N, C-alpha and C. Protein backbone atom coordinates (compact mmCIF):
# COMPACT_ATOMS: atom_id res chain seq x y z
N MET A 1 44.92 122.59 127.47
CA MET A 1 45.60 123.93 127.56
C MET A 1 44.63 124.82 128.20
N THR A 2 44.88 125.61 129.22
CA THR A 2 44.10 126.67 129.92
C THR A 2 43.71 127.74 128.98
N PRO A 3 42.44 127.83 128.69
CA PRO A 3 42.08 128.97 127.99
C PRO A 3 42.33 130.23 128.44
N GLY A 4 42.66 131.25 127.68
CA GLY A 4 43.23 132.63 127.91
C GLY A 4 43.93 133.40 126.87
N ILE A 5 44.57 134.50 127.26
CA ILE A 5 45.22 135.28 126.52
C ILE A 5 46.70 134.93 126.76
N TYR A 6 47.45 134.66 125.76
CA TYR A 6 48.88 134.30 125.85
C TYR A 6 49.75 135.30 125.15
N HIS A 7 50.99 135.55 125.83
CA HIS A 7 52.03 136.27 125.10
C HIS A 7 52.87 135.30 124.49
N VAL A 8 53.14 135.47 123.19
CA VAL A 8 54.02 134.53 122.55
C VAL A 8 55.35 135.22 121.94
N LYS A 9 56.39 134.46 122.04
CA LYS A 9 57.68 135.02 121.61
C LYS A 9 58.03 133.91 120.50
N PHE A 10 58.56 134.44 119.43
CA PHE A 10 59.04 133.42 118.42
C PHE A 10 60.22 133.81 117.68
N SER A 11 60.87 132.82 117.26
CA SER A 11 62.24 133.07 116.52
C SER A 11 62.28 132.12 115.42
N SER A 12 62.73 132.55 114.35
CA SER A 12 62.84 131.60 113.13
C SER A 12 64.39 131.08 112.85
N SER A 13 64.54 130.26 112.10
CA SER A 13 65.86 129.74 111.65
C SER A 13 66.71 130.69 110.87
N ILE A 14 66.03 131.58 110.44
CA ILE A 14 66.92 132.75 109.72
C ILE A 14 67.35 133.91 110.62
N GLN A 15 67.31 133.59 112.00
CA GLN A 15 67.78 134.53 112.92
C GLN A 15 66.81 135.70 113.15
N ALA A 16 65.66 135.67 112.86
CA ALA A 16 64.57 136.82 113.16
C ALA A 16 63.90 136.32 114.39
N HIS A 17 63.27 137.37 115.19
CA HIS A 17 62.52 136.99 116.09
C HIS A 17 61.29 138.10 116.24
N GLY A 18 60.30 137.82 117.03
CA GLY A 18 59.13 138.83 117.31
C GLY A 18 58.57 138.23 118.43
N GLU A 19 57.27 139.03 118.70
CA GLU A 19 56.42 138.66 119.66
C GLU A 19 55.04 139.15 119.50
N GLY A 20 53.96 138.48 120.06
CA GLY A 20 52.62 139.04 119.75
C GLY A 20 51.73 138.42 120.93
N MET A 21 50.43 138.49 120.71
CA MET A 21 49.50 137.96 121.63
C MET A 21 48.69 136.97 120.89
N ALA A 22 48.04 135.97 121.67
CA ALA A 22 47.07 135.05 121.13
C ALA A 22 46.05 134.62 122.02
N VAL A 23 44.82 134.57 121.51
CA VAL A 23 43.78 134.02 122.42
C VAL A 23 43.48 132.61 122.06
N ILE A 24 43.64 131.79 123.21
CA ILE A 24 43.56 130.30 122.92
C ILE A 24 42.33 129.83 123.63
N ASN A 25 41.22 129.44 123.12
CA ASN A 25 39.99 128.86 123.75
C ASN A 25 39.38 127.84 122.87
N ASN A 26 38.80 126.84 123.45
CA ASN A 26 38.01 125.77 122.75
C ASN A 26 38.69 125.18 121.45
N GLY A 27 39.95 124.93 121.47
CA GLY A 27 40.51 124.47 120.20
C GLY A 27 40.91 125.46 119.13
N THR A 28 40.62 126.77 119.45
CA THR A 28 41.01 127.81 118.48
C THR A 28 42.14 128.61 119.08
N VAL A 29 42.85 129.21 117.85
CA VAL A 29 43.97 130.29 118.21
C VAL A 29 43.63 131.47 117.39
N ASN A 30 43.56 132.70 118.00
CA ASN A 30 43.44 133.90 117.26
C ASN A 30 44.27 134.87 117.80
N GLY A 31 45.10 135.67 117.14
CA GLY A 31 46.03 136.58 117.66
C GLY A 31 46.61 137.36 116.57
N GLY A 32 47.74 137.99 116.99
CA GLY A 32 48.48 138.96 116.07
C GLY A 32 49.67 139.57 116.72
N ASP A 33 50.30 140.30 115.70
CA ASP A 33 51.43 141.21 116.27
C ASP A 33 51.31 142.44 115.37
N VAL A 34 52.43 143.21 115.25
CA VAL A 34 52.55 144.35 114.59
C VAL A 34 52.28 144.39 113.10
N GLY A 35 52.53 143.22 112.61
CA GLY A 35 52.26 143.15 111.11
C GLY A 35 51.48 141.88 110.60
N TYR A 36 51.24 140.96 111.46
CA TYR A 36 50.42 139.66 110.90
C TYR A 36 49.24 139.25 111.97
N VAL A 37 48.42 138.61 111.45
CA VAL A 37 47.12 138.10 112.23
C VAL A 37 47.54 136.51 112.21
N TYR A 38 47.06 135.99 113.25
CA TYR A 38 47.21 134.34 113.31
C TYR A 38 45.74 133.73 113.52
N THR A 39 45.46 132.75 112.79
CA THR A 39 44.27 132.14 113.02
C THR A 39 44.46 130.60 112.74
N GLY A 40 43.73 129.87 113.67
CA GLY A 40 43.77 128.41 113.57
C GLY A 40 43.41 127.62 114.56
N ASN A 41 43.97 126.33 114.77
CA ASN A 41 43.45 125.35 115.70
C ASN A 41 44.56 124.88 116.41
N PHE A 42 44.22 124.22 117.55
CA PHE A 42 45.18 123.48 118.25
C PHE A 42 44.47 122.15 118.72
N ILE A 43 45.22 121.05 118.79
CA ILE A 43 44.72 119.75 119.42
C ILE A 43 45.88 119.35 120.56
N GLU A 44 45.13 119.13 121.77
CA GLU A 44 46.04 118.48 122.83
C GLU A 44 46.25 117.03 122.62
N GLU A 45 47.40 116.64 122.87
CA GLU A 45 47.84 115.27 122.75
C GLU A 45 48.43 114.94 123.97
N SER A 46 48.48 113.67 124.27
CA SER A 46 49.20 113.27 125.55
C SER A 46 50.42 114.03 126.19
N GLY A 47 50.23 115.09 126.89
CA GLY A 47 51.20 115.96 127.37
C GLY A 47 51.68 116.99 126.44
N GLY A 48 51.19 116.88 125.23
CA GLY A 48 51.74 117.90 124.30
C GLY A 48 50.54 118.51 123.47
N VAL A 49 50.94 119.34 122.42
CA VAL A 49 49.84 120.18 121.61
C VAL A 49 50.41 120.18 120.16
N SER A 50 49.51 120.17 119.21
CA SER A 50 49.79 120.38 117.66
C SER A 50 48.85 121.40 117.40
N SER A 51 49.32 122.20 116.28
CA SER A 51 48.50 123.37 115.92
C SER A 51 48.86 123.60 114.32
N THR A 52 47.88 124.03 113.58
CA THR A 52 47.97 124.57 112.36
C THR A 52 47.48 125.83 112.38
N LEU A 53 48.24 126.89 111.91
CA LEU A 53 47.90 128.30 112.01
C LEU A 53 48.05 128.89 110.58
N ARG A 54 47.10 129.77 110.25
CA ARG A 54 47.26 130.58 109.03
C ARG A 54 47.76 132.00 109.38
N ILE A 55 48.95 132.35 108.87
CA ILE A 55 49.56 133.63 109.18
C ILE A 55 49.34 134.65 107.88
N LYS A 56 48.70 135.80 108.11
CA LYS A 56 48.30 136.67 107.05
C LYS A 56 48.89 138.13 107.45
N LYS A 57 49.48 138.72 106.48
CA LYS A 57 49.96 140.11 106.67
C LYS A 57 48.88 141.09 106.79
N TRP A 58 48.70 141.89 107.58
CA TRP A 58 47.84 143.11 107.71
C TRP A 58 48.45 144.54 107.63
N ASN A 59 49.73 144.47 107.94
CA ASN A 59 50.51 145.92 107.85
C ASN A 59 51.62 145.64 106.86
N GLN A 60 51.44 146.34 105.69
CA GLN A 60 52.36 146.07 104.54
C GLN A 60 53.88 146.66 104.69
N ASN A 61 53.90 147.34 105.79
CA ASN A 61 55.39 147.92 106.04
C ASN A 61 56.16 146.98 106.94
N ILE A 62 55.59 145.73 107.30
CA ILE A 62 56.33 144.79 108.32
C ILE A 62 56.60 143.57 107.49
N THR A 63 57.80 142.86 107.80
CA THR A 63 58.11 141.80 107.09
C THR A 63 58.03 140.53 108.10
N SER A 64 57.78 139.34 107.93
CA SER A 64 57.65 138.29 108.89
C SER A 64 58.96 137.85 109.21
N VAL A 65 59.10 136.91 110.17
CA VAL A 65 60.25 136.22 110.70
C VAL A 65 60.95 135.42 109.49
N PHE A 66 60.08 135.11 108.46
CA PHE A 66 60.41 134.23 107.40
C PHE A 66 60.72 135.08 106.18
N GLY A 67 60.50 136.33 106.31
CA GLY A 67 60.95 137.17 105.06
C GLY A 67 59.50 137.71 104.69
N PRO A 68 59.52 138.20 103.19
CA PRO A 68 58.42 138.97 102.69
C PRO A 68 57.18 138.24 102.29
N TYR A 69 56.64 137.46 103.11
CA TYR A 69 55.63 136.61 102.63
C TYR A 69 54.22 137.30 103.10
N PRO A 70 53.39 137.31 102.25
CA PRO A 70 52.01 137.96 102.54
C PRO A 70 51.18 136.91 103.24
N GLU A 71 51.29 135.68 103.15
CA GLU A 71 50.35 134.74 103.77
C GLU A 71 51.09 133.27 103.69
N PHE A 72 51.04 132.59 104.80
CA PHE A 72 51.52 131.19 104.87
C PHE A 72 50.95 130.43 106.07
N THR A 73 51.15 129.06 105.96
CA THR A 73 50.58 128.18 106.95
C THR A 73 51.83 127.74 107.87
N LEU A 74 51.47 127.71 109.10
CA LEU A 74 52.47 127.02 110.10
C LEU A 74 51.98 125.72 110.58
N ASN A 75 52.76 124.55 110.53
CA ASN A 75 52.46 123.30 111.12
C ASN A 75 53.29 123.28 112.42
N LEU A 76 52.66 123.15 113.69
CA LEU A 76 53.62 123.15 114.89
C LEU A 76 53.17 122.02 115.80
N LYS A 77 54.30 121.59 116.44
CA LYS A 77 54.13 120.54 117.51
C LYS A 77 55.00 120.91 118.68
N GLY A 78 54.55 120.47 119.83
CA GLY A 78 55.36 120.84 121.14
C GLY A 78 54.73 120.24 122.38
N SER A 79 55.17 120.85 123.33
CA SER A 79 54.84 120.48 124.72
C SER A 79 54.10 121.60 125.56
N LEU A 80 53.40 121.06 126.48
CA LEU A 80 52.60 121.90 127.40
C LEU A 80 53.28 121.83 128.87
N SER A 81 53.28 122.86 129.72
CA SER A 81 53.78 122.69 131.03
C SER A 81 52.68 121.90 131.93
N PRO A 82 53.24 121.22 133.00
CA PRO A 82 52.11 120.55 133.87
C PRO A 82 50.98 121.36 134.12
N ASP A 83 51.08 122.72 134.50
CA ASP A 83 49.86 123.41 134.76
C ASP A 83 49.19 123.85 133.49
N GLN A 84 49.62 123.51 132.36
CA GLN A 84 48.86 123.95 131.07
C GLN A 84 48.93 125.37 130.86
N LYS A 85 49.68 126.18 131.42
CA LYS A 85 49.64 127.64 131.26
C LYS A 85 50.89 128.15 130.39
N THR A 86 51.72 127.32 130.07
CA THR A 86 52.84 127.73 129.18
C THR A 86 53.02 126.55 128.00
N PHE A 87 53.57 127.01 126.97
CA PHE A 87 53.81 125.99 125.88
C PHE A 87 55.16 126.34 125.15
N GLN A 88 55.62 125.26 124.49
CA GLN A 88 56.78 125.38 123.64
C GLN A 88 56.45 124.57 122.36
N VAL A 89 56.41 125.25 121.27
CA VAL A 89 56.14 124.58 119.95
C VAL A 89 57.24 124.83 119.05
N SER A 90 57.35 123.93 118.11
CA SER A 90 58.27 124.42 116.93
C SER A 90 57.52 123.76 115.55
N GLY A 91 58.15 124.24 114.39
CA GLY A 91 57.45 123.74 113.15
C GLY A 91 57.90 124.52 112.00
N SER A 92 57.29 124.24 110.91
CA SER A 92 57.58 124.95 109.75
C SER A 92 56.53 125.12 108.64
N SER A 93 56.64 125.80 107.61
CA SER A 93 55.70 126.24 106.72
C SER A 93 55.79 125.38 105.46
N PRO A 94 54.88 124.67 104.95
CA PRO A 94 55.04 123.96 103.60
C PRO A 94 55.39 125.11 102.50
N GLN A 95 54.96 126.30 102.68
CA GLN A 95 55.23 127.19 101.59
C GLN A 95 56.62 127.84 101.66
N ILE A 96 57.27 127.55 102.79
CA ILE A 96 58.70 128.27 102.78
C ILE A 96 59.71 127.14 103.21
N GLN A 97 60.33 126.82 102.16
CA GLN A 97 61.20 125.59 102.30
C GLN A 97 62.54 125.80 103.14
N GLY A 98 62.84 125.04 103.97
CA GLY A 98 64.13 124.93 104.80
C GLY A 98 64.06 125.97 105.89
N ALA A 99 62.89 126.72 106.21
CA ALA A 99 62.92 127.54 107.39
C ALA A 99 61.97 126.81 108.42
N THR A 100 62.44 127.10 109.72
CA THR A 100 61.66 126.55 110.92
C THR A 100 61.55 127.75 111.94
N ILE A 101 60.52 127.45 112.83
CA ILE A 101 60.21 128.62 113.79
C ILE A 101 60.01 127.82 115.20
N ASN A 102 60.42 128.49 116.36
CA ASN A 102 60.23 128.18 117.70
C ASN A 102 59.41 129.14 118.46
N ILE A 103 58.20 128.71 119.10
CA ILE A 103 57.25 129.65 119.80
C ILE A 103 57.28 129.17 121.21
N HIS A 104 57.28 130.25 122.03
CA HIS A 104 57.16 130.03 123.50
C HIS A 104 55.85 130.83 123.85
N GLY A 105 55.11 130.24 124.52
CA GLY A 105 53.81 131.15 124.94
C GLY A 105 53.61 130.91 126.50
N PHE A 106 53.12 132.01 127.00
CA PHE A 106 52.73 131.93 128.54
C PHE A 106 51.43 132.73 128.67
N ARG A 107 50.55 132.20 129.49
CA ARG A 107 49.22 132.78 129.89
C ARG A 107 49.30 133.96 130.70
N VAL A 108 48.70 135.12 130.21
CA VAL A 108 48.78 136.33 131.03
C VAL A 108 47.42 136.91 131.57
N SER A 109 46.10 136.30 131.02
CA SER A 109 44.92 136.67 131.44
C SER A 109 43.96 135.64 131.00
N ASP A 110 42.83 135.78 131.92
CA ASP A 110 41.61 135.20 131.38
C ASP A 110 41.03 135.92 130.25
N THR A 111 39.88 135.06 129.64
CA THR A 111 39.17 135.91 128.59
C THR A 111 37.77 136.20 129.20
N VAL A 112 36.91 137.00 128.45
CA VAL A 112 35.57 137.18 129.17
C VAL A 112 34.67 136.20 128.49
C-alpha cells in the first residue's frame, strides 16, 4: 500500500455511516474522526490487505457506527487497487456480536 494520508468512509450493518482520516505508513494505521481514534497495523497479502485496529472514543458526545461502545477492536480484510492508492476492507469486532463494517479508503496526500 502506498504510504500517505487516506480519507476513509465506513458503514456498519446497523445502517450507520461515517468518515475520517487515516495515516498509513510502514505497516501502521493511525487516524480518527469526530468521536474516535484508530490505531493499529496492516499486512499486505497477495493483492489484498488485512488489518487489526483498536478503536477508542475520545469525544463522549459521539456514538460509533456500532453504538455506544467506548473501545473495541476491528478485524478487517479486503483488497487494494492495482495502483495501491485505494482499498476496500470489511470485517467485524469480536466485542460486538453480529455487527459488520465496510470501509473504503483513498489516498489524498503524502506524509512528511
